[in-house]
Amino acid sequence: MTIATRIPAIAQPLLEELPGSRAVALDVSDLASVRAFCADWSGPVDALVANAGVMLLPTCEVNAHGWETQLSTNYLGHCALVPGLRSRRPGTPAGSSRPCAQPAAPTPGT
């Protein structure tokens, strides 16, 4: 299991509970971070939980690419991440909470 987070050290307690897991840096509000994460990815993507998000920021913040922070974090970053991972490995991620991912195909008998 890979835990992608802006600050990998924060995931340390979770890593201790999940042997064999790893934490890597990923800031979905930064397209350079998304591209680097995708470029470094190897292996299949069995499932993707895209739950990074911000809301009700006290001021309108703009990131280095000129995008408003809430838009870039909640939508654009995920929409770059999914096809970026897909281009590294064929197949469709099993699921995503963001509208930019294609829905997973239903499994017979579920």
PDB file of N, CA and C in Angstrom:
ATOM      1  N   MET A   1       0.846  -1.162   0.000  1.00  0.00           N
ATOM      2  CA  MET A   1       0.000   0.000   0.000  1.00  0.00           C
ATOM      3  C   MET A   1       0.898   1.234   0.000  1.00  0.00           C
ATOM      4  N   THR A   2       0.543   2.179  -0.804  1.00  0.00           N
ATOM      5  CA  THR A   2       1.252   3.453  -0.849  1.00  0.00           C
ATOM      6  C   THR A   2       0.334   4.532  -0.290  1.00  0.00           C
ATOM      7  N   ILE A   3       0.851   5.285   0.652  1.00  0.00           N
ATOM      8  CA  ILE A   3       0.119   6.411   1.216  1.00  0.00           C
ATOM      9  C   ILE A   3       0.781   7.671   0.671  1.00  0.00           C
ATOM     10  N   ALA A   4       0.056   8.382  -0.154  1.00  0.00           N
ATOM     11  CA  ALA A   4       0.563   9.607  -0.745  1.00  0.00           C
ATOM     12  C   ALA A   4       0.077  10.776   0.096  1.00  0.00           C
ATOM     13  N   THR A   5       1.002  11.599   0.558  1.00  0.00           N
ATOM     14  CA  THR A   5       0.658  12.688   1.463  1.00  0.00           C
ATOM     15  C   THR A   5       1.637  13.835   1.271  1.00  0.00           C
ATOM     16  N   ARG A   6       1.190  15.030   1.565  1.00  0.00           N
ATOM     17  CA  ARG A   6       2.091  16.185   1.448  1.00  0.00           C
ATOM     18  C   ARG A   6       3.287  16.052   2.377  1.00  0.00           C
ATOM     19  N   ILE A   7       3.079  15.478   3.558  1.00  0.00           N
ATOM     20  CA  ILE A   7       4.147  15.349   4.552  1.00  0.00           C
ATOM     21  C   ILE A   7       4.233  13.878   4.960  1.00  0.00           C
ATOM     22  N   PRO A   8       5.085  13.087   4.301  1.00  0.00           N
ATOM     23  CA  PRO A   8       5.151  11.653   4.579  1.00  0.00           C
ATOM     24  C   PRO A   8       5.406  11.297   6.043  1.00  0.00           C
ATOM     25  N   ALA A   9       6.123  12.113   6.784  1.00  0.00           N
ATOM     26  CA  ALA A   9       6.412  11.795   8.185  1.00  0.00           C
ATOM     27  C   ALA A   9       5.134  11.696   9.020  1.00  0.00           C
ATOM     28  N   ILE A  10       4.093  12.405   8.627  1.00  0.00           N
ATOM     29  CA  ILE A  10       2.825  12.362   9.361  1.00  0.00           C
ATOM     30  C   ILE A  10       2.202  10.972   9.295  1.00  0.00           C
ATOM     31  N   ALA A  11       2.493  10.218   8.247  1.00  0.00           N
ATOM     32  CA  ALA A  11       1.901   8.895   8.068  1.00  0.00           C
ATOM     33  C   ALA A  11       2.611   7.808   8.874  1.00  0.00           C
ATOM     34  N   GLN A  12       3.667   8.145   9.599  1.00  0.00           N
ATOM     35  CA  GLN A  12       4.455   7.139  10.312  1.00  0.00           C
ATOM     36  C   GLN A  12       3.623   6.222  11.211  1.00  0.00           C
ATOM     37  N   PRO A  13       2.716   6.730  12.036  1.00  0.00           N
ATOM     38  CA  PRO A  13       1.910   5.813  12.868  1.00  0.00           C
ATOM     39  C   PRO A  13       1.103   4.813  12.032  1.00  0.00           C
ATOM     40  N   LEU A  14       0.597   5.250  10.897  1.00  0.00           N
ATOM     41  CA  LEU A  14      -0.158   4.362  10.024  1.00  0.00           C
ATOM     42  C   LEU A  14       0.747   3.310   9.395  1.00  0.00           C
ATOM     43  N   LEU A  15       1.952   3.703   9.030  1.00  0.00           N
ATOM     44  CA  LEU A  15       2.900   2.755   8.451  1.00  0.00           C
ATOM     45  C   LEU A  15       3.236   1.644   9.430  1.00  0.00           C
ATOM     46  N   GLU A  16       3.300   1.980  10.692  1.00  0.00           N
ATOM     47  CA  GLU A  16       3.595   0.975  11.718  1.00  0.00           C
ATOM     48  C   GLU A  16       2.453  -0.029  11.852  1.00  0.00           C
ATOM     49  N   GLU A  17       1.232   0.395  11.575  1.00  0.00           N
ATOM     50  CA  GLU A  17       0.078  -0.503  11.644  1.00  0.00           C
ATOM     51  C   GLU A  17      -0.089  -1.335  10.382  1.00  0.00           C
ATOM     52  N   LEU A  18       0.520  -0.906   9.282  1.00  0.00           N
ATOM     53  CA  LEU A  18       0.357  -1.576   7.991  1.00  0.00           C
ATOM     54  C   LEU A  18       1.720  -2.021   7.466  1.00  0.00           C
ATOM     55  N   PRO A  19       2.206  -3.163   7.907  1.00  0.00           N
ATOM     56  CA  PRO A  19       3.516  -3.641   7.445  1.00  0.00           C
ATOM     57  C   PRO A  19       3.572  -3.721   5.921  1.00  0.00           C
ATOM     58  N   GLY A  20       4.697  -3.326   5.373  1.00  0.00           N
ATOM     59  CA  GLY A  20       4.878  -3.353   3.930  1.00  0.00           C
ATOM     60  C   GLY A  20       4.375  -2.110   3.211  1.00  0.00           C
ATOM     61  N   SER A  21       3.760  -1.203   3.942  1.00  0.00           N
ATOM     62  CA  SER A  21       3.270   0.027   3.320  1.00  0.00           C
ATOM     63  C   SER A  21       4.390   1.058   3.287  1.00  0.00           C
ATOM     64  N   ARG A  22       4.176   2.090   2.490  1.00  0.00           N
ATOM     65  CA  ARG A  22       5.157   3.174   2.393  1.00  0.00           C
ATOM     66  C   ARG A  22       4.423   4.493   2.240  1.00  0.00           C
ATOM     67  N   ALA A  23       5.086   5.554   2.646  1.00  0.00           N
ATOM     68  CA  ALA A  23       4.536   6.902   2.484  1.00  0.00           C
ATOM     69  C   ALA A  23       5.438   7.667   1.521  1.00  0.00           C
ATOM     70  N   VAL A  24       4.831   8.347   0.577  1.00  0.00           N
ATOM     71  CA  VAL A  24       5.575   9.146  -0.386  1.00  0.00           C
ATOM     72  C   VAL A  24       4.939  10.528  -0.497  1.00  0.00           C
ATOM     73  N   ALA A  25       5.744  11.480  -0.898  1.00  0.00           N
ATOM     74  CA  ALA A  25       5.276  12.861  -1.006  1.00  0.00           C
ATOM     75  C   ALA A  25       4.407  13.052  -2.249  1.00  0.00           C
ATOM     76  N   LEU A  26       3.266  13.695  -2.042  1.00  0.00           N
ATOM     77  CA  LEU A  26       2.384  14.080  -3.143  1.00  0.00           C
ATOM     78  C   LEU A  26       1.526  15.245  -2.679  1.00  0.00           C
ATOM     79  N   ASP A  27       1.628  16.351  -3.373  1.00  0.00           N
ATOM     80  CA  ASP A  27       0.777  17.510  -3.122  1.00  0.00           C
ATOM     81  C   ASP A  27      -0.072  17.697  -4.371  1.00  0.00           C
ATOM     82  N   VAL A  28      -1.346  17.297  -4.313  1.00  0.00           N
ATOM     83  CA  VAL A  28      -2.183  17.355  -5.506  1.00  0.00           C
ATOM     84  C   VAL A  28      -2.488  18.777  -5.966  1.00  0.00           C
ATOM     85  N   SER A  29      -2.199  19.762  -5.143  1.00  0.00           N
ATOM     86  CA  SER A  29      -2.409  21.148  -5.585  1.00  0.00           C
ATOM     87  C   SER A  29      -1.245  21.648  -6.432  1.00  0.00           C
ATOM     88  N   ASP A  30      -0.187  20.849  -6.540  1.00  0.00           N
ATOM     89  CA  ASP A  30       1.023  21.230  -7.272  1.00  0.00           C
ATOM     90  C   ASP A  30       1.230  20.243  -8.423  1.00  0.00           C
ATOM     91  N   LEU A  31       1.020  20.693  -9.657  1.00  0.00           N
ATOM     92  CA  LEU A  31       1.128  19.798 -10.805  1.00  0.00           C
ATOM     93  C   LEU A  31       2.521  19.200 -10.954  1.00  0.00           C
ATOM     94  N   ALA A  32       3.554  19.898 -10.540  1.00  0.00           N
ATOM     95  CA  ALA A  32       4.906  19.331 -10.592  1.00  0.00           C
ATOM     96  C   ALA A  32       5.015  18.138  -9.644  1.00  0.00           C
ATOM     97  N   SER A  33       4.392  18.236  -8.484  1.00  0.00           N
ATOM     98  CA  SER A  33       4.385  17.127  -7.527  1.00  0.00           C
ATOM     99  C   SER A  33       3.606  15.942  -8.088  1.00  0.00           C
ATOM    100  N   VAL A  34       2.477  16.201  -8.720  1.00  0.00           N
ATOM    101  CA  VAL A  34       1.676  15.133  -9.319  1.00  0.00           C
ATOM    102  C   VAL A  34       2.465  14.450 -10.426  1.00  0.00           C
ATOM    103  N   ARG A  35       3.096  15.229 -11.283  1.00  0.00           N
ATOM    104  CA  ARG A  35       3.876  14.652 -12.382  1.00  0.00           C
ATOM    105  C   ARG A  35       5.044  13.820 -11.854  1.00  0.00           C
ATOM    106  N   ALA A  36       5.725  14.302 -10.834  1.00  0.00           N
ATOM    107  CA  ALA A  36       6.851  13.566 -10.253  1.00  0.00           C
ATOM    108  C   ALA A  36       6.363  12.260  -9.627  1.00  0.00           C
ATOM    109  N   PHE A  37       5.248  12.309  -8.918  1.00  0.00           N
ATOM    110  CA  PHE A  37       4.691  11.109  -8.313  1.00  0.00           C
ATOM    111  C   PHE A  37       4.373  10.075  -9.391  1.00  0.00           C
ATOM    112  N   CYS A  38       3.713  10.503 -10.452  1.00  0.00           N
ATOM    113  CA  CYS A  38       3.347   9.587 -11.537  1.00  0.00           C
ATOM    114  C   CYS A  38       4.590   9.039 -12.238  1.00  0.00           C
ATOM    115  N   ALA A  39       5.590   9.875 -12.444  1.00  0.00           N
ATOM    116  CA  ALA A  39       6.817   9.429 -13.112  1.00  0.00           C
ATOM    117  C   ALA A  39       7.559   8.387 -12.286  1.00  0.00           C
ATOM    118  N   ASP A  40       7.480   8.488 -10.968  1.00  0.00           N
ATOM    119  CA  ASP A  40       8.170   7.549 -10.082  1.00  0.00           C
ATOM    120  C   ASP A  40       7.363   6.286  -9.804  1.00  0.00           C
ATOM    121  N   TRP A  41       6.092   6.268 -10.204  1.00  0.00           N
ATOM    122  CA  TRP A  41       5.224   5.138  -9.880  1.00  0.00           C
ATOM    123  C   TRP A  41       5.636   3.896 -10.654  1.00  0.00           C
ATOM    124  N   SER A  42       5.606   2.759  -9.987  1.00  0.00           N
ATOM    125  CA  SER A  42       5.780   1.471 -10.662  1.00  0.00           C
ATOM    126  C   SER A  42       4.812   0.494 -10.012  1.00  0.00           C
ATOM    127  N   GLY A  43       4.365  -0.438 -10.775  1.00  0.00           N
ATOM    128  CA  GLY A  43       3.429  -1.417 -10.253  1.00  0.00           C
ATOM    129  C   GLY A  43       2.002  -1.071 -10.615  1.00  0.00           C
ATOM    130  N   PRO A  44       1.104  -1.988 -10.325  1.00  0.00           N
ATOM    131  CA  PRO A  44      -0.301  -1.764 -10.670  1.00  0.00           C
ATOM    132  C   PRO A  44      -0.974  -0.795  -9.706  1.00  0.00           C
ATOM    133  N   VAL A  45      -2.116  -0.302 -10.128  1.00  0.00           N
ATOM    134  CA  VAL A  45      -2.985   0.501  -9.261  1.00  0.00           C
ATOM    135  C   VAL A  45      -4.247  -0.325  -9.072  1.00  0.00           C
ATOM    136  N   ASP A  46      -4.363  -0.937  -7.916  1.00  0.00           N
ATOM    137  CA  ASP A  46      -5.528  -1.772  -7.646  1.00  0.00           C
ATOM    138  C   ASP A  46      -6.704  -0.944  -7.152  1.00  0.00           C
ATOM    139  N   ALA A  47      -6.423   0.119  -6.439  1.00  0.00           N
ATOM    140  CA  ALA A  47      -7.468   1.005  -5.926  1.00  0.00           C
ATOM    141  C   ALA A  47      -6.854   2.379  -5.710  1.00  0.00           C
ATOM    142  N   LEU A  48      -7.674   3.385  -5.852  1.00  0.00           N
ATOM    143  CA  LEU A  48      -7.219   4.753  -5.647  1.00  0.00           C
ATOM    144  C   LEU A  48      -8.276   5.478  -4.820  1.00  0.00           C
ATOM    145  N   VAL A  49      -7.875   5.970  -3.674  1.00  0.00           N
ATOM    146  CA  VAL A  49      -8.764   6.773  -2.841  1.00  0.00           C
ATOM    147  C   VAL A  49      -8.266   8.209  -2.946  1.00  0.00           C
ATOM    148  N   ALA A  50      -8.995   9.018  -3.669  1.00  0.00           N
ATOM    149  CA  ALA A  50      -8.605  10.412  -3.889  1.00  0.00           C
ATOM    150  C   ALA A  50      -9.412  11.278  -2.933  1.00  0.00           C
ATOM    151  N   ASN A  51      -8.880  11.496  -1.744  1.00  0.00           N
ATOM    152  CA  ASN A  51      -9.656  12.223  -0.749  1.00  0.00           C
ATOM    153  C   ASN A  51      -9.016  13.523  -0.297  1.00  0.00           C
ATOM    154  N   ALA A  52      -7.963  13.967  -0.967  1.00  0.00           N
ATOM    155  CA  ALA A  52      -7.367  15.249  -0.599  1.00  0.00           C
ATOM    156  C   ALA A  52      -8.353  16.361  -0.916  1.00  0.00           C
ATOM    157  N   GLY A  53      -8.445  17.326  -0.044  1.00  0.00           N
ATOM    158  CA  GLY A  53      -9.347  18.424  -0.303  1.00  0.00           C
ATOM    159  C   GLY A  53      -9.235  19.516   0.740  1.00  0.00           C
ATOM    160  N   VAL A  54      -9.577  20.702   0.327  1.00  0.00           N
ATOM    161  CA  VAL A  54      -9.636  21.853   1.234  1.00  0.00           C
ATOM    162  C   VAL A  54     -10.965  22.550   0.997  1.00  0.00           C
ATOM    163  N   MET A  55     -11.420  23.258   2.029  1.00  0.00           N
ATOM    164  CA  MET A  55     -12.684  23.970   1.894  1.00  0.00           C
ATOM    165  C   MET A  55     -12.725  25.132   2.875  1.00  0.00           C
ATOM    166  N   LEU A  56     -13.448  26.133   2.508  1.00  0.00           N
ATOM    167  CA  LEU A  56     -13.659  27.303   3.354  1.00  0.00           C
ATOM    168  C   LEU A  56     -12.355  27.959   3.795  1.00  0.00           C
ATOM    169  N   LEU A  57     -11.461  28.153   2.841  1.00  0.00           N
ATOM    170  CA  LEU A  57     -10.225  28.865   3.155  1.00  0.00           C
ATOM    171  C   LEU A  57     -10.567  30.300   3.545  1.00  0.00           C
ATOM    172  N   PRO A  58      -9.879  30.857   4.525  1.00  0.00           N
ATOM    173  CA  PRO A  58     -10.231  32.200   4.986  1.00  0.00           C
ATOM    174  C   PRO A  58      -9.949  33.289   3.952  1.00  0.00           C
ATOM    175  N   THR A  59      -9.017  33.027   3.040  1.00  0.00           N
ATOM    176  CA  THR A  59      -8.717  33.985   1.975  1.00  0.00           C
ATOM    177  C   THR A  59      -8.607  33.238   0.664  1.00  0.00           C
ATOM    178  N   CYS A  60      -8.728  33.954  -0.427  1.00  0.00           N
ATOM    179  CA  CYS A  60      -8.553  33.352  -1.745  1.00  0.00           C
ATOM    180  C   CYS A  60      -7.054  33.194  -1.991  1.00  0.00           C
ATOM    181  N   GLU A  61      -6.607  31.956  -2.009  1.00  0.00           N
ATOM    182  CA  GLU A  61      -5.192  31.680  -2.233  1.00  0.00           C
ATOM    183  C   GLU A  61      -5.011  31.127  -3.635  1.00  0.00           C
ATOM    184  N   VAL A  62      -3.892  31.481  -4.249  1.00  0.00           N
ATOM    185  CA  VAL A  62      -3.580  31.038  -5.605  1.00  0.00           C
ATOM    186  C   VAL A  62      -2.249  30.299  -5.550  1.00  0.00           C
ATOM    187  N   ASN A  63      -2.175  29.147  -6.231  1.00  0.00           N
ATOM    188  CA  ASN A  63      -0.927  28.382  -6.205  1.00  0.00           C
ATOM    189  C   ASN A  63       0.067  28.899  -7.248  1.00  0.00           C
ATOM    190  N   ALA A  64       1.199  28.246  -7.347  1.00  0.00           N
ATOM    191  CA  ALA A  64       2.268  28.697  -8.247  1.00  0.00           C
ATOM    192  C   ALA A  64       1.863  28.660  -9.715  1.00  0.00           C
ATOM    193  N   HIS A  65       0.852  27.864 -10.048  1.00  0.00           N
ATOM    194  CA  HIS A  65       0.397  27.763 -11.434  1.00  0.00           C
ATOM    195  C   HIS A  65      -0.699  28.785 -11.756  1.00  0.00           C
ATOM    196  N   GLY A  66      -1.076  29.587 -10.757  1.00  0.00           N
ATOM    197  CA  GLY A  66      -2.103  30.598 -10.965  1.00  0.00           C
ATOM    198  C   GLY A  66      -3.519  30.109 -10.717  1.00  0.00           C
ATOM    199  N   TRP A  67      -3.666  28.890 -10.206  1.00  0.00           N
ATOM    200  CA  TRP A  67      -4.980  28.334  -9.934  1.00  0.00           C
ATOM    201  C   TRP A  67      -5.370  28.574  -8.482  1.00  0.00           C
ATOM    202  N   GLU A  68      -6.644  28.821  -8.273  1.00  0.00           N
ATOM    203  CA  GLU A  68      -7.158  28.987  -6.920  1.00  0.00           C
ATOM    204  C   GLU A  68      -6.942  27.669  -6.169  1.00  0.00           C
ATOM    205  N   THR A  69      -6.514  27.750  -4.916  1.00  0.00           N
ATOM    206  CA  THR A  69      -6.091  26.577  -4.148  1.00  0.00           C
ATOM    207  C   THR A  69      -7.183  25.525  -4.000  1.00  0.00           C
ATOM    208  N   GLN A  70      -8.399  25.936  -3.723  1.00  0.00           N
ATOM    209  CA  GLN A  70      -9.463  24.945  -3.548  1.00  0.00           C
ATOM    210  C   GLN A  70      -9.706  24.186  -4.853  1.00  0.00           C
ATOM    211  N   LEU A  71      -9.732  24.872  -5.978  1.00  0.00           N
ATOM    212  CA  LEU A  71      -9.941  24.229  -7.276  1.00  0.00           C
ATOM    213  C   LEU A  71      -8.779  23.288  -7.603  1.00  0.00           C
ATOM    214  N   SER A  72      -7.560  23.737  -7.398  1.00  0.00           N
ATOM    215  CA  SER A  72      -6.417  22.903  -7.753  1.00  0.00           C
ATOM    216  C   SER A  72      -6.292  21.683  -6.848  1.00  0.00           C
ATOM    217  N   THR A  73      -6.623  21.829  -5.568  1.00  0.00           N
ATOM    218  CA  THR A  73      -6.517  20.711  -4.628  1.00  0.00           C
ATOM    219  C   THR A  73      -7.672  19.731  -4.784  1.00  0.00           C
ATOM    220  N   ASN A  74      -8.878  20.233  -4.873  1.00  0.00           N
ATOM    221  CA  ASN A  74     -10.059  19.377  -4.861  1.00  0.00           C
ATOM    222  C   ASN A  74     -10.387  18.759  -6.219  1.00  0.00           C
ATOM    223  N   TYR A  75      -9.891  19.340  -7.291  1.00  0.00           N
ATOM    224  CA  TYR A  75     -10.307  18.863  -8.606  1.00  0.00           C
ATOM    225  C   TYR A  75      -9.139  18.664  -9.568  1.00  0.00           C
ATOM    226  N   LEU A  76      -8.422  19.727  -9.876  1.00  0.00           N
ATOM    227  CA  LEU A  76      -7.414  19.647 -10.930  1.00  0.00           C
ATOM    228  C   LEU A  76      -6.308  18.646 -10.638  1.00  0.00           C
ATOM    229  N   GLY A  77      -5.841  18.600  -9.402  1.00  0.00           N
ATOM    230  CA  GLY A  77      -4.777  17.661  -9.055  1.00  0.00           C
ATOM    231  C   GLY A  77      -5.192  16.221  -9.240  1.00  0.00           C
ATOM    232  N   HIS A  78      -6.420  15.894  -8.840  1.00  0.00           N
ATOM    233  CA  HIS A  78      -6.916  14.535  -9.015  1.00  0.00           C
ATOM    234  C   HIS A  78      -7.087  14.209 -10.491  1.00  0.00           C
ATOM    235  N   CYS A  79      -7.518  15.204 -11.252  1.00  0.00           N
ATOM    236  CA  CYS A  79      -7.717  14.989 -12.685  1.00  0.00           C
ATOM    237  C   CYS A  79      -6.397  14.866 -13.432  1.00  0.00           C
ATOM    238  N   ALA A  80      -5.305  15.272 -12.838  1.00  0.00           N
ATOM    239  CA  ALA A  80      -3.978  15.036 -13.416  1.00  0.00           C
ATOM    240  C   ALA A  80      -3.412  13.714 -12.904  1.00  0.00           C
ATOM    241  N   LEU A  81      -3.724  13.369 -11.671  1.00  0.00           N
ATOM    242  CA  LEU A  81      -3.192  12.153 -11.058  1.00  0.00           C
ATOM    243  C   LEU A  81      -3.713  10.888 -11.736  1.00  0.00           C
ATOM    244  N   VAL A  82      -5.010  10.792 -11.945  1.00  0.00           N
ATOM    245  CA  VAL A  82      -5.598   9.565 -12.485  1.00  0.00           C
ATOM    246  C   VAL A  82      -5.042   9.228 -13.869  1.00  0.00           C
ATOM    247  N   PRO A  83      -5.081  10.133 -14.841  1.00  0.00           N
ATOM    248  CA  PRO A  83      -4.510   9.765 -16.142  1.00  0.00           C
ATOM    249  C   PRO A  83      -2.983   9.618 -16.085  1.00  0.00           C
ATOM    250  N   GLY A  84      -2.340  10.335 -15.167  1.00  0.00           N
ATOM    251  CA  GLY A  84      -0.891  10.186 -15.020  1.00  0.00           C
ATOM    252  C   GLY A  84      -0.522   8.790 -14.571  1.00  0.00           C
ATOM    253  N   LEU A  85      -1.263   8.247 -13.628  1.00  0.00           N
ATOM    254  CA  LEU A  85      -1.020   6.871 -13.191  1.00  0.00           C
ATOM    255  C   LEU A  85      -1.424   5.883 -14.272  1.00  0.00           C
ATOM    256  N   ARG A  86      -2.516   6.166 -14.945  1.00  0.00           N
ATOM    257  CA  ARG A  86      -2.981   5.275 -16.005  1.00  0.00           C
ATOM    258  C   ARG A  86      -1.948   5.186 -17.127  1.00  0.00           C
ATOM    259  N   SER A  87      -1.282   6.291 -17.419  1.00  0.00           N
ATOM    260  CA  SER A  87      -0.285   6.271 -18.495  1.00  0.00           C
ATOM    261  C   SER A  87       0.954   5.475 -18.103  1.00  0.00           C
ATOM    262  N   ARG A  88       1.204   5.338 -16.809  1.00  0.00           N
ATOM    263  CA  ARG A  88       2.360   4.558 -16.340  1.00  0.00           C
ATOM    264  C   ARG A  88       2.087   3.068 -16.406  1.00  0.00           C
ATOM    265  N   ARG A  89       0.843   2.691 -16.149  1.00  0.00           N
ATOM    266  CA  ARG A  89       0.461   1.277 -16.149  1.00  0.00           C
ATOM    267  C   ARG A  89      -0.907   1.158 -16.794  1.00  0.00           C
ATOM    268  N   PRO A  90      -1.069   0.247 -17.733  1.00  0.00           N
ATOM    269  CA  PRO A  90      -2.387   0.063 -18.339  1.00  0.00           C
ATOM    270  C   PRO A  90      -3.422  -0.370 -17.308  1.00  0.00           C
ATOM    271  N   GLY A  91      -4.658  -0.037 -17.583  1.00  0.00           N
ATOM    272  CA  GLY A  91      -5.746  -0.435 -16.692  1.00  0.00           C
ATOM    273  C   GLY A  91      -6.394   0.777 -16.077  1.00  0.00           C
ATOM    274  N   THR A  92      -7.507   0.562 -15.459  1.00  0.00           N
ATOM    275  CA  THR A  92      -8.264   1.639 -14.833  1.00  0.00           C
ATOM    276  C   THR A  92      -8.218   1.471 -13.330  1.00  0.00           C
ATOM    277  N   PRO A  93      -7.904   2.529 -12.591  1.00  0.00           N
ATOM    278  CA  PRO A  93      -7.965   2.401 -11.136  1.00  0.00           C
ATOM    279  C   PRO A  93      -9.333   1.895 -10.702  1.00  0.00           C
ATOM    280  N   ALA A  94      -9.346   1.128  -9.635  1.00  0.00           N
ATOM    281  CA  ALA A  94     -10.583   0.491  -9.197  1.00  0.00           C
ATOM    282  C   ALA A  94     -11.620   1.483  -8.710  1.00  0.00           C
ATOM    283  N   GLY A  95     -11.213   2.663  -8.309  1.00  0.00           N
ATOM    284  CA  GLY A  95     -12.196   3.629  -7.859  1.00  0.00           C
ATOM    285  C   GLY A  95     -11.562   4.943  -7.506  1.00  0.00           C
ATOM    286  N   SER A  96     -12.331   5.992  -7.563  1.00  0.00           N
ATOM    287  CA  SER A  96     -11.873   7.318  -7.214  1.00  0.00           C
ATOM    288  C   SER A  96     -13.075   8.111  -6.742  1.00  0.00           C
ATOM    289  N   SER A  97     -12.840   9.001  -5.806  1.00  0.00           N
ATOM    290  CA  SER A  97     -13.947   9.826  -5.329  1.00  0.00           C
ATOM    291  C   SER A  97     -14.087  11.093  -6.161  1.00  0.00           C
ATOM    292  N   ARG A  98     -13.328  11.213  -7.214  1.00  0.00           N
ATOM    293  CA  ARG A  98     -13.353  12.420  -8.044  1.00  0.00           C
ATOM    294  C   ARG A  98     -14.017  12.148  -9.387  1.00  0.00           C
ATOM    295  N   PRO A  99     -14.699  13.134  -9.958  1.00  0.00           N
ATOM    296  CA  PRO A  99     -15.446  12.923 -11.198  1.00  0.00           C
ATOM    297  C   PRO A  99     -14.563  12.731 -12.424  1.00  0.00           C
ATOM    298  N   CYS A 100     -13.269  12.959 -12.327  1.00  0.00           N
ATOM    299  CA  CYS A 100     -12.412  12.842 -13.500  1.00  0.00           C
ATOM    300  C   CYS A 100     -12.039  11.402 -13.802  1.00  0.00           C
ATOM    301  N   ALA A 101     -12.258  10.502 -12.870  1.00  0.00           N
ATOM    302  CA  ALA A 101     -11.929   9.095 -13.089  1.00  0.00           C
ATOM    303  C   ALA A 101     -13.114   8.388 -13.719  1.00  0.00           C
ATOM    304  N   GLN A 102     -12.811   7.442 -14.584  1.00  0.00           N
ATOM    305  CA  GLN A 102     -13.883   6.639 -15.145  1.00  0.00           C
ATOM    306  C   GLN A 102     -14.383   5.694 -14.057  1.00  0.00           C
ATOM    307  N   PRO A 103     -15.670   5.423 -14.038  1.00  0.00           N
ATOM    308  CA  PRO A 103     -16.170   4.495 -13.014  1.00  0.00           C
ATOM    309  C   PRO A 103     -15.631   3.094 -13.274  1.00  0.00           C
ATOM    310  N   ALA A 104     -15.413   2.372 -12.198  1.00  0.00           N
ATOM    311  CA  ALA A 104     -14.957   0.994 -12.316  1.00  0.00           C
ATOM    312  C   ALA A 104     -16.080   0.138 -12.894  1.00  0.00           C
ATOM    313  N   ALA A 105     -15.695  -0.855 -13.672  1.00  0.00           N
ATOM    314  CA  ALA A 105     -16.692  -1.756 -14.242  1.00  0.00           C
ATOM    315  C   ALA A 105     -17.299  -2.603 -13.141  1.00  0.00           C
ATOM    316  N   PRO A 106     -18.593  -2.849 -13.197  1.00  0.00           N
ATOM    317  CA  PRO A 106     -19.203  -3.680 -12.164  1.00  0.00           C
ATOM    318  C   PRO A 106     -18.666  -5.101 -12.225  1.00  0.00           C
ATOM    319  N   THR A 107     -18.570  -5.721 -11.088  1.00  0.00           N
ATOM    320  CA  THR A 107     -18.108  -7.091 -10.991  1.00  0.00           C
ATOM    321  C   THR A 107     -19.325  -7.999 -10.898  1.00  0.00           C
ATOM    322  N   PRO A 108     -19.409  -9.027 -11.745  1.00  0.00           N
ATOM    323  CA  PRO A 108     -20.570  -9.925 -11.678  1.00  0.00           C
ATOM    324  C   PRO A 108     -20.726 -10.516 -10.286  1.00  0.00           C
ATOM    325  N   GLY A 109     -21.952 -10.574  -9.821  1.00  0.00           N
ATOM    326  CA  GLY A 109     -22.246 -11.168  -8.528  1.00  0.00           C
ATOM    327  C   GLY A 109     -22.083 -10.243  -7.339  1.00  0.00           C
ATOM    328  N   THR A 110     -21.794  -8.945  -7.590  1.00  0.00           N
ATOM    329  CA  THR A 110     -21.651  -8.022  -6.468  1.00  0.00           C
ATOM    330  C   THR A 110     -22.846  -7.118  -6.369  1.00  0.00           C
TER     331      THR A 110
END
